[in-house]
Amino acid sequence: MKKTLLTALVVCASVCGAFAQDQKAKTSTDATVVKEAEQKSPEVKAQEWQKLLETELKLTDEQKTKIAELNKAFDERQQGMENNASYTEEFKAERRVVLKKAREAQIMKLLTAEQQAKYKELLEAKK
């Protein structure tokens, strides 16, 4: 009886250990995918977003140019703010939100009604 109980205990421990290692490996793989996504530079992310907008919204050449100009101005303003050591982190966070909303509003003005609807969908999916 003791041998059977001991054998069952050993088997149970082995199986539980194997599953725990499998879960740990899966979590590690998921973390690697997330890290790879996080490792993209802001410039690369911005370029990918710009390309997505161009293809999904079917932007005209004029719209592409104007949106690129808006993004450049936004980046310059944000970089200036980030480099200002006199600003608190709280102020910077609030300012980022304000700048982002202003940029989105300016982009919306450049789009047609159909493009605006698709742009809103893309923004929601991005969140």
Protein backbone atom coordinates (compact mmCIF):
# COMPACT_ATOMS: atom_id res chain seq x y z
CA MET A 1 0.00 0.00 0.00
CA LYS A 2 2.81 2.36 0.92
CA LYS A 3 4.63 1.57 -2.33
CA THR A 4 1.52 2.37 -4.38
CA LEU A 5 0.96 5.65 -2.55
CA LEU A 6 4.62 6.59 -2.86
CA THR A 7 4.63 5.74 -6.58
CA ALA A 8 1.48 7.81 -7.15
CA LEU A 9 3.07 10.73 -5.30
CA VAL A 10 6.24 10.56 -7.40
CA VAL A 11 4.26 10.38 -10.65
CA CYS A 12 2.09 13.31 -9.59
CA ALA A 13 5.13 15.42 -8.68
CA SER A 14 6.80 14.60 -11.99
CA VAL A 15 3.73 15.51 -14.03
CA CYS A 16 3.17 18.76 -12.10
CA GLY A 17 6.83 19.69 -12.55
CA ALA A 18 6.65 19.04 -16.28
CA PHE A 19 3.56 21.23 -16.66
CA ALA A 20 5.11 24.00 -14.59
CA GLN A 21 8.19 24.03 -16.82
CA ASP A 22 6.02 24.07 -19.92
CA GLN A 23 4.06 27.07 -18.63
CA LYS A 24 7.28 28.86 -17.72
CA ALA A 25 8.66 28.28 -21.23
CA LYS A 26 5.43 29.56 -22.80
CA THR A 27 5.49 32.68 -20.63
CA SER A 28 9.13 33.23 -21.54
CA THR A 29 8.28 33.01 -25.24
CA ASP A 30 5.40 35.48 -24.84
CA ALA A 31 7.69 37.87 -22.98
CA THR A 32 10.24 37.63 -25.81
CA VAL A 33 7.61 38.63 -28.37
CA VAL A 34 6.56 41.59 -26.22
CA LYS A 35 10.19 42.65 -25.72
CA GLU A 36 10.82 42.54 -29.46
CA ALA A 37 7.82 44.80 -30.05
CA GLU A 38 8.97 47.16 -27.31
CA GLN A 39 12.49 47.31 -28.74
CA LYS A 40 11.37 49.12 -31.86
CA SER A 41 12.52 52.69 -31.83
CA PRO A 42 9.93 55.47 -31.84
CA GLU A 43 11.05 56.39 -35.35
CA VAL A 44 10.38 52.87 -36.63
CA LYS A 45 6.99 52.76 -34.92
CA ALA A 46 6.11 56.15 -36.46
CA GLN A 47 7.13 54.98 -39.93
CA GLU A 48 5.07 51.81 -39.59
CA TRP A 49 2.06 53.84 -38.42
CA GLN A 50 2.50 56.27 -41.35
CA LYS A 51 2.60 53.38 -43.84
CA LEU A 52 -0.47 51.82 -42.25
CA LEU A 53 -2.36 55.11 -42.58
CA GLU A 54 -1.29 55.50 -46.19
CA THR A 55 -2.51 52.05 -47.17
CA GLU A 56 -5.62 51.74 -45.00
CA LEU A 57 -6.91 55.27 -45.59
CA LYS A 58 -5.78 55.43 -49.22
CA LEU A 59 -4.23 58.84 -48.67
CA THR A 60 -3.61 61.19 -51.58
CA ASP A 61 -0.11 62.54 -52.15
CA GLU A 62 -1.20 65.90 -50.74
CA GLN A 63 -2.59 64.25 -47.59
CA LYS A 64 0.60 62.22 -47.17
CA THR A 65 2.72 65.36 -47.37
CA LYS A 66 0.58 67.34 -44.94
CA ILE A 67 0.38 64.51 -42.41
CA ALA A 68 4.15 64.03 -42.62
CA GLU A 69 4.58 67.75 -41.92
CA LEU A 70 2.19 67.56 -38.96
CA ASN A 71 4.05 64.58 -37.55
CA LYS A 72 7.41 66.32 -37.95
CA ALA A 73 6.14 69.43 -36.15
CA PHE A 74 4.63 67.25 -33.43
CA ASP A 75 7.89 65.35 -32.97
CA GLU A 76 9.87 68.59 -32.71
CA ARG A 77 7.50 70.03 -30.12
CA GLN A 78 7.50 66.83 -28.11
CA GLN A 79 11.28 66.49 -28.27
CA GLY A 80 11.68 70.08 -27.09
CA MET A 81 9.39 69.39 -24.17
CA GLU A 82 11.15 66.13 -23.27
CA ASN A 83 14.54 67.86 -23.30
CA ASN A 84 13.39 70.66 -21.00
CA ALA A 85 14.71 69.70 -17.57
CA SER A 86 12.57 72.31 -15.80
CA TYR A 87 9.35 70.42 -16.61
CA THR A 88 8.09 67.84 -14.14
CA GLU A 89 7.23 64.33 -15.32
CA GLU A 90 3.59 64.99 -14.48
CA PHE A 91 3.55 68.11 -16.66
CA LYS A 92 5.26 66.23 -19.50
CA ALA A 93 2.69 63.43 -19.33
CA GLU A 94 -0.20 65.90 -19.45
CA ARG A 95 1.46 67.81 -22.29
CA ARG A 96 1.99 64.60 -24.30
CA VAL A 97 -1.75 63.94 -24.15
CA VAL A 98 -2.57 67.50 -25.23
CA LEU A 99 -0.11 67.39 -28.13
CA LYS A 100 -1.35 64.00 -29.27
CA LYS A 101 -5.00 65.11 -29.26
CA ALA A 102 -4.10 68.30 -31.15
CA ARG A 103 -2.25 66.28 -33.79
CA GLU A 104 -5.16 63.86 -34.17
CA ALA A 105 -7.59 66.78 -34.57
CA GLN A 106 -5.40 68.34 -37.26
CA ILE A 107 -5.14 65.03 -39.10
CA MET A 108 -8.92 64.60 -38.94
CA LYS A 109 -9.34 67.97 -40.70
CA LEU A 110 -7.29 66.68 -43.63
CA LEU A 111 -9.35 63.51 -44.10
CA THR A 112 -12.61 62.84 -45.87
CA ALA A 113 -15.59 61.59 -43.84
CA GLU A 114 -14.92 58.00 -44.93
CA GLN A 115 -11.24 58.30 -44.04
CA GLN A 116 -12.12 59.85 -40.68
CA ALA A 117 -14.26 56.85 -39.76
CA LYS A 118 -11.48 54.43 -40.72
CA TYR A 119 -8.90 56.58 -38.86
CA LYS A 120 -10.98 56.40 -35.69
CA GLU A 121 -11.14 52.61 -36.05
CA LEU A 122 -7.36 52.43 -36.44
CA LEU A 123 -6.83 54.59 -33.37
CA GLU A 124 -9.10 52.36 -31.31
CA ALA A 125 -7.33 49.25 -32.54
CA LYS A 126 -3.98 50.81 -31.67
CA LYS A 127 -4.95 51.30 -28.02
